[in-house]
Structure formats: structure tokens, C-alpha cells
């Protein structure tokens, strides 16, 4: 049975490990190896994870089955001082995909957003990421695009998607 738990700083190495195991499969046909490695270090170093949780107010949750961690997500409630919850990250190990883990994580994030009286979920997703289909199936709609300069000559070319949850 899938269990969703609140991540603490103790779990940061686990989150980092899942990201490093998930990203190559997710992005190898979209991004260069150099960009994948650059982004992993920028977003998933222990220092970066600490900053996201302690300074930026991101909350991480983990999906686990028994003793095995299978995926994670991070959210920021009241994003940009509005009643919206921003989903910053959601990744599931390749071998665990298709087993309802993404759905369980989204249900938990939706519940947390509603508890904070937030009326919509927002996320960015690479325009070539196959997850865009999954997001559409669970009620997200594309509301725009963004090209975000992340340094070192790299860009994130994303769709901005939203789901009304009120």
C-alpha cells in the first residue's frame, strides 16, 4: 500500500537520490546530459534542498511502499501571495510509474492546497515532457508558456498549467 509522508531534512538525501535516478529517464530525449547534470546539482544538492524548504517555504512529500521510497513532490502554498498552490516538483521512479503513485501524490497535494484555502494548483512542465498528457488527464489545462533562463546558457522551456480545485 502506498503511503504519503511529510519529508524532513532527514529525507533530503532520499529526495536527491530519487531525482538522480529519475531525471535521466525523464529528460534524456529532451535535454543534453550536461544540462541534466547542471539542473540536478542546482535543484537537488543538499544545500539547494535546504534552501527550498527553509527559505522558500517549499513542502516536500514522499511516496513510499513498505521501506522503499518511490517518488516525491514539492509544493508552495499561497504562491506569490495568492490563493494558489504551486507544484514545484513531482517525480516517480521509472520502475514505479503507472502504479497510482502520481495520482496519490496529486490527491495529497490537492488536499493540502484545499486545507490552505487555495483554489487552484499551478505547475510548469517542459513542453516536450510526456507527463503533459498525464496532467491533462487529471484536469490540468495549459494557460501559457515560459522560457526561463536558468544560467550556464540553459533554458527551461515550459508550459504553465493550472487546475481549479475549489
Foldseek 3Di string as FASTA:
>chain_A
DKDKAWDDLVCLVVQLVQLVQFQCVQPVVPDPPVVSVVVSCCCRDSVNVCCCCPPVPKTKMFIDDDPGTFWMWIWHACPPVHLEIETEDITGRPVCPPVCPVVVRVVVVLVVSVVVVRFKYKYKDAPPGPCVVVCVVVAKDFDAWDWADPDPPDTRTITMIMHTRD
